[in-house]
Amino acid sequence: MHRVACMSYLSSSSSRPLRRSSDARVIALAEDDPALRELIAAALALDGHRVLQLGNGSALMTSVHKILIQGGALDLLISDVRMPGLSGLDALKLLRESQLRIPVILITAFSDLWTRTEATRYGARLLDKPLELHVLRKVVSDSLTGRDN
């Protein structure tokens, strides 16, 4: 039910990226491991980003929905692939099916050819765990400036 409600709202939203004029970028981070979520959020905060920390894909979609309703800005999504409930890959598919062009970075400890193919098909970058923070920070920077690599 939640998936259908998010999908119908997102489908009616604009297809342009959601940006603000300020330099601080808003990043939604969905990761079910609290320690890793805190570490990633702290590293991104040091780069001047505002990080919304979420524990799963359902919370991610709820937050995206609320941000859109309130007319807020969202510049980037980072999500673990495997999480309880809605996976990061499922959230990515919902976003793309609704025509939202927010950059997405997926992270996984269980990379396989199918996951890589699906991430690429839906326009996301895929990073393997264990994460190297300097690599993540570079990919975030590239994603926010529109560079692929």
N, C-alpha and C. Protein backbone atom coordinates (compact mmCIF):
# COMPACT_ATOMS: atom_id res chain seq x y z
N MET A 1 0.82 -1.19 0.00
CA MET A 1 0.00 0.00 0.00
C MET A 1 0.87 1.25 0.00
N HIS A 2 1.90 1.28 0.88
CA HIS A 2 2.79 2.43 0.94
C HIS A 2 3.46 2.65 -0.42
N ARG A 3 3.89 1.57 -1.05
CA ARG A 3 4.57 1.65 -2.34
C ARG A 3 3.66 2.28 -3.38
N VAL A 4 2.39 1.91 -3.41
CA VAL A 4 1.45 2.45 -4.37
C VAL A 4 1.21 3.94 -4.11
N ALA A 5 1.06 4.32 -2.84
CA ALA A 5 0.83 5.73 -2.51
C ALA A 5 2.01 6.58 -2.92
N CYS A 6 3.24 6.13 -2.63
CA CYS A 6 4.44 6.87 -3.03
C CYS A 6 4.52 6.96 -4.54
N MET A 7 4.26 5.85 -5.21
CA MET A 7 4.38 5.81 -6.65
C MET A 7 3.41 6.79 -7.30
N SER A 8 2.15 6.84 -6.83
CA SER A 8 1.19 7.72 -7.45
C SER A 8 1.55 9.18 -7.19
N TYR A 9 2.02 9.51 -6.01
CA TYR A 9 2.42 10.89 -5.75
C TYR A 9 3.64 11.27 -6.58
N LEU A 10 4.64 10.40 -6.60
CA LEU A 10 5.85 10.70 -7.34
C LEU A 10 5.58 10.83 -8.82
N SER A 11 4.64 10.07 -9.34
CA SER A 11 4.32 10.13 -10.76
C SER A 11 3.76 11.49 -11.15
N SER A 12 3.13 12.17 -10.21
CA SER A 12 2.55 13.47 -10.52
C SER A 12 3.54 14.61 -10.29
N SER A 13 4.75 14.30 -9.83
CA SER A 13 5.75 15.32 -9.54
C SER A 13 6.53 15.70 -10.78
N SER A 14 7.23 16.80 -10.67
CA SER A 14 8.05 17.29 -11.77
C SER A 14 9.18 16.32 -12.09
N SER A 15 9.61 16.30 -13.35
CA SER A 15 10.72 15.42 -13.73
C SER A 15 12.07 16.11 -13.61
N ARG A 16 12.10 17.33 -13.17
CA ARG A 16 13.39 18.02 -13.02
C ARG A 16 14.02 17.68 -11.68
N PRO A 17 15.37 17.78 -11.61
CA PRO A 17 16.01 17.53 -10.32
C PRO A 17 15.55 18.56 -9.29
N LEU A 18 15.50 18.16 -8.04
CA LEU A 18 15.09 19.06 -6.98
C LEU A 18 16.33 19.75 -6.42
N ARG A 19 16.48 21.03 -6.66
CA ARG A 19 17.67 21.77 -6.24
C ARG A 19 17.28 23.03 -5.48
N ARG A 20 18.17 23.49 -4.63
CA ARG A 20 18.03 24.75 -3.93
C ARG A 20 19.12 25.68 -4.41
N SER A 21 18.99 26.96 -4.09
CA SER A 21 20.01 27.92 -4.49
C SER A 21 21.20 27.93 -3.54
N SER A 22 21.04 27.48 -2.32
CA SER A 22 22.13 27.50 -1.34
C SER A 22 23.20 26.47 -1.70
N ASP A 23 24.40 26.65 -1.17
CA ASP A 23 25.50 25.72 -1.44
C ASP A 23 25.35 24.40 -0.70
N ALA A 24 24.70 24.40 0.45
CA ALA A 24 24.53 23.16 1.20
C ALA A 24 23.58 22.25 0.43
N ARG A 25 24.00 21.01 0.24
CA ARG A 25 23.18 20.04 -0.49
C ARG A 25 22.52 19.09 0.50
N VAL A 26 21.31 18.68 0.17
CA VAL A 26 20.57 17.76 1.01
C VAL A 26 20.71 16.36 0.42
N ILE A 27 21.19 15.45 1.26
CA ILE A 27 21.39 14.06 0.86
C ILE A 27 20.56 13.17 1.77
N ALA A 28 19.73 12.32 1.16
CA ALA A 28 19.00 11.31 1.93
C ALA A 28 19.84 10.04 1.94
N LEU A 29 20.10 9.52 3.12
CA LEU A 29 20.94 8.34 3.30
C LEU A 29 20.14 7.23 3.96
N ALA A 30 19.90 6.14 3.23
CA ALA A 30 19.19 4.99 3.78
C ALA A 30 20.17 3.83 3.96
N GLU A 31 20.39 3.46 5.21
CA GLU A 31 21.32 2.38 5.56
C GLU A 31 20.82 1.76 6.84
N ASP A 32 20.65 0.42 6.85
CA ASP A 32 20.09 -0.23 8.03
C ASP A 32 21.12 -0.50 9.13
N ASP A 33 22.39 -0.33 8.85
CA ASP A 33 23.43 -0.48 9.87
C ASP A 33 23.68 0.89 10.50
N PRO A 34 23.23 1.09 11.74
CA PRO A 34 23.34 2.42 12.36
C PRO A 34 24.77 2.96 12.43
N ALA A 35 25.74 2.10 12.71
CA ALA A 35 27.13 2.58 12.82
C ALA A 35 27.65 3.06 11.46
N LEU A 36 27.37 2.33 10.41
CA LEU A 36 27.80 2.74 9.08
C LEU A 36 27.07 4.00 8.64
N ARG A 37 25.77 4.06 8.95
CA ARG A 37 24.97 5.24 8.60
C ARG A 37 25.55 6.49 9.26
N GLU A 38 25.89 6.38 10.54
CA GLU A 38 26.49 7.52 11.27
C GLU A 38 27.84 7.93 10.68
N LEU A 39 28.66 6.94 10.34
CA LEU A 39 29.97 7.21 9.76
C LEU A 39 29.85 7.94 8.43
N ILE A 40 28.99 7.45 7.55
CA ILE A 40 28.80 8.08 6.24
C ILE A 40 28.24 9.49 6.42
N ALA A 41 27.26 9.64 7.29
CA ALA A 41 26.65 10.96 7.52
C ALA A 41 27.68 11.95 8.05
N ALA A 42 28.52 11.51 8.96
CA ALA A 42 29.55 12.40 9.51
C ALA A 42 30.54 12.84 8.44
N ALA A 43 30.95 11.90 7.59
CA ALA A 43 31.90 12.25 6.52
C ALA A 43 31.28 13.25 5.55
N LEU A 44 30.02 13.05 5.20
CA LEU A 44 29.35 13.96 4.25
C LEU A 44 29.07 15.31 4.89
N ALA A 45 28.78 15.32 6.19
CA ALA A 45 28.56 16.59 6.89
C ALA A 45 29.84 17.42 6.91
N LEU A 46 30.99 16.75 7.00
CA LEU A 46 32.27 17.48 6.96
C LEU A 46 32.47 18.19 5.61
N ASP A 47 31.84 17.66 4.58
CA ASP A 47 31.91 18.30 3.25
C ASP A 47 30.84 19.37 3.08
N GLY A 48 30.09 19.64 4.15
CA GLY A 48 29.10 20.71 4.11
C GLY A 48 27.70 20.29 3.69
N HIS A 49 27.46 19.01 3.60
CA HIS A 49 26.14 18.52 3.19
C HIS A 49 25.24 18.33 4.39
N ARG A 50 23.95 18.48 4.16
CA ARG A 50 22.94 18.16 5.18
C ARG A 50 22.46 16.75 4.88
N VAL A 51 22.59 15.85 5.84
CA VAL A 51 22.28 14.44 5.61
C VAL A 51 21.06 14.02 6.43
N LEU A 52 20.05 13.50 5.73
CA LEU A 52 18.87 12.94 6.37
C LEU A 52 19.14 11.45 6.54
N GLN A 53 19.25 10.99 7.77
CA GLN A 53 19.58 9.59 8.04
C GLN A 53 18.31 8.76 8.20
N LEU A 54 18.23 7.68 7.41
CA LEU A 54 17.06 6.82 7.39
C LEU A 54 17.49 5.37 7.51
N GLY A 55 16.66 4.55 8.17
CA GLY A 55 17.04 3.18 8.46
C GLY A 55 16.64 2.14 7.44
N ASN A 56 15.83 2.52 6.43
CA ASN A 56 15.41 1.53 5.44
C ASN A 56 14.81 2.23 4.21
N GLY A 57 14.49 1.43 3.20
CA GLY A 57 13.96 1.96 1.95
C GLY A 57 12.58 2.56 2.09
N SER A 58 11.75 2.01 2.95
CA SER A 58 10.42 2.57 3.17
C SER A 58 10.51 3.97 3.78
N ALA A 59 11.40 4.14 4.75
CA ALA A 59 11.61 5.46 5.35
C ALA A 59 12.15 6.44 4.31
N LEU A 60 13.00 5.94 3.41
CA LEU A 60 13.53 6.78 2.34
C LEU A 60 12.41 7.30 1.46
N MET A 61 11.52 6.42 1.01
CA MET A 61 10.44 6.84 0.14
C MET A 61 9.46 7.77 0.86
N THR A 62 9.21 7.52 2.15
CA THR A 62 8.36 8.41 2.93
C THR A 62 8.98 9.80 3.01
N SER A 63 10.28 9.86 3.24
CA SER A 63 10.96 11.16 3.33
C SER A 63 10.94 11.90 2.00
N VAL A 64 11.19 11.18 0.90
CA VAL A 64 11.13 11.80 -0.43
C VAL A 64 9.73 12.37 -0.65
N HIS A 65 8.73 11.60 -0.31
CA HIS A 65 7.34 12.02 -0.46
C HIS A 65 7.08 13.31 0.34
N LYS A 66 7.49 13.34 1.61
CA LYS A 66 7.28 14.51 2.46
C LYS A 66 8.02 15.73 1.92
N ILE A 67 9.25 15.52 1.48
CA ILE A 67 10.04 16.64 0.94
C ILE A 67 9.36 17.22 -0.29
N LEU A 68 8.86 16.37 -1.17
CA LEU A 68 8.18 16.84 -2.37
C LEU A 68 6.89 17.60 -2.03
N ILE A 69 6.13 17.07 -1.09
CA ILE A 69 4.88 17.74 -0.68
C ILE A 69 5.17 19.12 -0.12
N GLN A 70 6.24 19.24 0.66
CA GLN A 70 6.58 20.50 1.30
C GLN A 70 7.34 21.45 0.38
N GLY A 71 7.63 21.01 -0.84
CA GLY A 71 8.35 21.86 -1.78
C GLY A 71 9.82 22.01 -1.43
N GLY A 72 10.36 21.08 -0.67
CA GLY A 72 11.76 21.14 -0.25
C GLY A 72 12.70 20.64 -1.33
N ALA A 73 13.97 20.69 -1.00
CA ALA A 73 15.01 20.28 -1.94
C ALA A 73 15.63 18.96 -1.52
N LEU A 74 15.95 18.18 -2.50
CA LEU A 74 16.66 16.93 -2.29
C LEU A 74 17.63 16.78 -3.45
N ASP A 75 18.92 16.69 -3.13
CA ASP A 75 19.94 16.72 -4.17
C ASP A 75 20.51 15.36 -4.53
N LEU A 76 20.46 14.40 -3.61
CA LEU A 76 21.09 13.11 -3.85
C LEU A 76 20.51 12.08 -2.89
N LEU A 77 20.40 10.84 -3.38
CA LEU A 77 20.01 9.72 -2.54
C LEU A 77 21.16 8.73 -2.49
N ILE A 78 21.45 8.24 -1.29
CA ILE A 78 22.41 7.16 -1.10
C ILE A 78 21.67 6.07 -0.34
N SER A 79 21.72 4.86 -0.87
CA SER A 79 20.97 3.78 -0.23
C SER A 79 21.71 2.46 -0.29
N ASP A 80 21.63 1.73 0.82
CA ASP A 80 22.06 0.35 0.83
C ASP A 80 21.12 -0.42 -0.10
N VAL A 81 21.62 -1.47 -0.72
CA VAL A 81 20.76 -2.27 -1.60
C VAL A 81 19.89 -3.20 -0.77
N ARG A 82 20.48 -3.96 0.13
CA ARG A 82 19.72 -4.94 0.92
C ARG A 82 19.38 -4.37 2.29
N MET A 83 18.08 -4.15 2.49
CA MET A 83 17.56 -3.66 3.76
C MET A 83 16.22 -4.32 4.01
N PRO A 84 15.79 -4.37 5.27
CA PRO A 84 14.46 -4.91 5.54
C PRO A 84 13.39 -4.08 4.83
N GLY A 85 12.34 -4.73 4.37
CA GLY A 85 11.27 -4.02 3.69
C GLY A 85 11.66 -3.67 2.28
N LEU A 86 11.46 -2.45 1.92
CA LEU A 86 11.77 -1.95 0.58
C LEU A 86 13.28 -1.84 0.39
N SER A 87 13.81 -2.51 -0.61
CA SER A 87 15.26 -2.47 -0.85
C SER A 87 15.65 -1.15 -1.52
N GLY A 88 16.93 -0.88 -1.49
CA GLY A 88 17.43 0.30 -2.18
C GLY A 88 17.19 0.25 -3.68
N LEU A 89 17.30 -0.93 -4.24
CA LEU A 89 17.05 -1.11 -5.68
C LEU A 89 15.58 -0.88 -6.00
N ASP A 90 14.68 -1.36 -5.14
CA ASP A 90 13.25 -1.12 -5.34
C ASP A 90 12.94 0.38 -5.25
N ALA A 91 13.54 1.06 -4.29
CA ALA A 91 13.34 2.51 -4.15
C ALA A 91 13.83 3.23 -5.41
N LEU A 92 14.99 2.83 -5.91
CA LEU A 92 15.53 3.41 -7.14
C LEU A 92 14.55 3.24 -8.30
N LYS A 93 14.01 2.04 -8.45
CA LYS A 93 13.06 1.77 -9.54
C LYS A 93 11.82 2.65 -9.41
N LEU A 94 11.31 2.80 -8.19
CA LEU A 94 10.15 3.66 -7.98
C LEU A 94 10.44 5.11 -8.38
N LEU A 95 11.60 5.59 -8.00
CA LEU A 95 11.98 6.96 -8.36
C LEU A 95 12.07 7.14 -9.87
N ARG A 96 12.71 6.21 -10.52
CA ARG A 96 12.88 6.31 -11.97
C ARG A 96 11.56 6.14 -12.72
N GLU A 97 10.71 5.24 -12.25
CA GLU A 97 9.41 5.06 -12.89
C GLU A 97 8.55 6.31 -12.76
N SER A 98 8.81 7.10 -11.73
CA SER A 98 8.07 8.34 -11.53
C SER A 98 8.72 9.54 -12.22
N GLN A 99 9.79 9.28 -12.96
CA GLN A 99 10.49 10.31 -13.73
C GLN A 99 11.31 11.29 -12.89
N LEU A 100 11.55 11.00 -11.62
CA LEU A 100 12.43 11.86 -10.82
C LEU A 100 13.88 11.58 -11.20
N ARG A 101 14.62 12.63 -11.47
CA ARG A 101 16.00 12.48 -11.93
C ARG A 101 17.01 12.83 -10.84
N ILE A 102 16.70 12.53 -9.63
CA ILE A 102 17.64 12.75 -8.53
C ILE A 102 18.77 11.74 -8.67
N PRO A 103 20.03 12.18 -8.56
CA PRO A 103 21.14 11.22 -8.60
C PRO A 103 21.04 10.22 -7.45
N VAL A 104 21.40 8.97 -7.74
CA VAL A 104 21.32 7.91 -6.74
C VAL A 104 22.64 7.14 -6.72
N ILE A 105 23.11 6.88 -5.50
CA ILE A 105 24.27 6.02 -5.28
C ILE A 105 23.78 4.85 -4.43
N LEU A 106 23.99 3.64 -4.92
CA LEU A 106 23.66 2.45 -4.16
C LEU A 106 24.94 1.85 -3.59
N ILE A 107 24.84 1.31 -2.38
CA ILE A 107 25.98 0.66 -1.75
C ILE A 107 25.57 -0.76 -1.36
N THR A 108 26.50 -1.70 -1.51
CA THR A 108 26.16 -3.09 -1.22
C THR A 108 27.37 -3.91 -0.80
N ALA A 109 27.10 -4.87 0.05
CA ALA A 109 28.11 -5.86 0.41
C ALA A 109 27.90 -7.14 -0.38
N PHE A 110 26.84 -7.18 -1.16
CA PHE A 110 26.45 -8.39 -1.89
C PHE A 110 26.32 -8.10 -3.37
N SER A 111 27.38 -7.62 -3.96
CA SER A 111 27.34 -7.26 -5.38
C SER A 111 27.33 -8.50 -6.26
N ASP A 112 26.48 -8.48 -7.24
CA ASP A 112 26.45 -9.54 -8.24
C ASP A 112 26.12 -8.87 -9.59
N LEU A 113 26.22 -9.62 -10.65
CA LEU A 113 26.02 -9.07 -11.99
C LEU A 113 24.61 -8.50 -12.16
N TRP A 114 23.60 -9.20 -11.64
CA TRP A 114 22.22 -8.73 -11.78
C TRP A 114 22.03 -7.37 -11.08
N THR A 115 22.54 -7.24 -9.85
CA THR A 115 22.42 -5.99 -9.11
C THR A 115 23.12 -4.86 -9.84
N ARG A 116 24.33 -5.12 -10.33
CA ARG A 116 25.07 -4.10 -11.08
C ARG A 116 24.32 -3.69 -12.34
N THR A 117 23.77 -4.67 -13.05
CA THR A 117 23.04 -4.39 -14.28
C THR A 117 21.80 -3.54 -13.99
N GLU A 118 21.06 -3.91 -12.96
CA GLU A 118 19.85 -3.15 -12.61
C GLU A 118 20.19 -1.73 -12.15
N ALA A 119 21.23 -1.58 -11.34
CA ALA A 119 21.63 -0.24 -10.90
C ALA A 119 21.99 0.63 -12.10
N THR A 120 22.75 0.08 -13.02
CA THR A 120 23.15 0.82 -14.22
C THR A 120 21.93 1.13 -15.08
N ARG A 121 21.06 0.16 -15.25
CA ARG A 121 19.86 0.34 -16.06
C ARG A 121 19.01 1.51 -15.56
N TYR A 122 18.95 1.68 -14.25
CA TYR A 122 18.15 2.75 -13.67
C TYR A 122 18.98 4.00 -13.33
N GLY A 123 20.19 4.05 -13.83
CA GLY A 123 20.99 5.27 -13.74
C GLY A 123 21.65 5.55 -12.41
N ALA A 124 21.92 4.52 -11.62
CA ALA A 124 22.58 4.72 -10.33
C ALA A 124 24.03 4.27 -10.39
N ARG A 125 24.82 4.85 -9.52
CA ARG A 125 26.18 4.36 -9.29
C ARG A 125 26.09 3.29 -8.22
N LEU A 126 26.94 2.27 -8.31
CA LEU A 126 26.95 1.19 -7.32
C LEU A 126 28.35 1.09 -6.73
N LEU A 127 28.43 1.20 -5.41
CA LEU A 127 29.70 1.07 -4.70
C LEU A 127 29.65 -0.15 -3.80
N ASP A 128 30.78 -0.84 -3.72
CA ASP A 128 30.87 -2.04 -2.89
C ASP A 128 31.31 -1.70 -1.47
N LYS A 129 30.76 -2.47 -0.52
CA LYS A 129 31.23 -2.42 0.86
C LYS A 129 32.34 -3.44 0.97
N PRO A 130 33.32 -3.24 1.81
CA PRO A 130 33.45 -2.09 2.69
C PRO A 130 33.76 -0.83 1.88
N LEU A 131 33.13 0.25 2.30
CA LEU A 131 33.29 1.53 1.62
C LEU A 131 34.62 2.18 1.98
N GLU A 132 35.21 2.81 1.01
CA GLU A 132 36.34 3.70 1.26
C GLU A 132 35.75 5.10 1.22
N LEU A 133 35.80 5.80 2.35
CA LEU A 133 35.11 7.09 2.46
C LEU A 133 35.59 8.10 1.43
N HIS A 134 36.88 8.09 1.11
CA HIS A 134 37.36 9.05 0.11
C HIS A 134 36.75 8.76 -1.26
N VAL A 135 36.51 7.49 -1.57
CA VAL A 135 35.87 7.13 -2.84
C VAL A 135 34.41 7.58 -2.82
N LEU A 136 33.70 7.29 -1.72
CA LEU A 136 32.32 7.72 -1.60
C LEU A 136 32.20 9.23 -1.74
N ARG A 137 33.06 9.97 -1.05
CA ARG A 137 33.00 11.43 -1.10
C ARG A 137 33.24 11.94 -2.52
N LYS A 138 34.14 11.30 -3.27
CA LYS A 138 34.40 11.69 -4.66
C LYS A 138 33.18 11.40 -5.53
N VAL A 139 32.57 10.23 -5.36
CA VAL A 139 31.39 9.87 -6.14
C VAL A 139 30.23 10.81 -5.81
N VAL A 140 30.08 11.17 -4.54
CA VAL A 140 29.05 12.14 -4.14
C VAL A 140 29.31 13.46 -4.83
N SER A 141 30.53 13.95 -4.77
CA SER A 141 30.87 15.22 -5.41
C SER A 141 30.58 15.17 -6.91
N ASP A 142 31.00 14.09 -7.56
CA ASP A 142 30.76 13.95 -9.00
C ASP A 142 29.27 13.89 -9.30
N SER A 143 28.51 13.19 -8.49
CA SER A 143 27.07 13.07 -8.71
C SER A 143 26.37 14.42 -8.55
N LEU A 144 26.81 15.20 -7.59
CA LEU A 144 26.19 16.51 -7.35
C LEU A 144 26.56 17.54 -8.41
N THR A 145 27.67 17.33 -9.08
CA THR A 145 28.09 18.27 -10.14
C THR A 145 27.77 17.76 -11.53
N GLY A 146 27.14 16.58 -11.59
CA GLY A 146 26.73 16.05 -12.89
C GLY A 146 27.80 15.30 -13.65
N ARG A 147 28.93 15.00 -12.99
CA ARG A 147 29.98 14.21 -13.66
C ARG A 147 29.73 12.75 -13.39
N ASP A 148 30.01 11.91 -14.37
CA ASP A 148 29.80 10.47 -14.22
C ASP A 148 30.90 9.82 -13.42
N ASN A 149 32.13 10.19 -13.62
CA ASN A 149 33.25 9.57 -12.92
C ASN A 149 34.21 10.61 -12.45
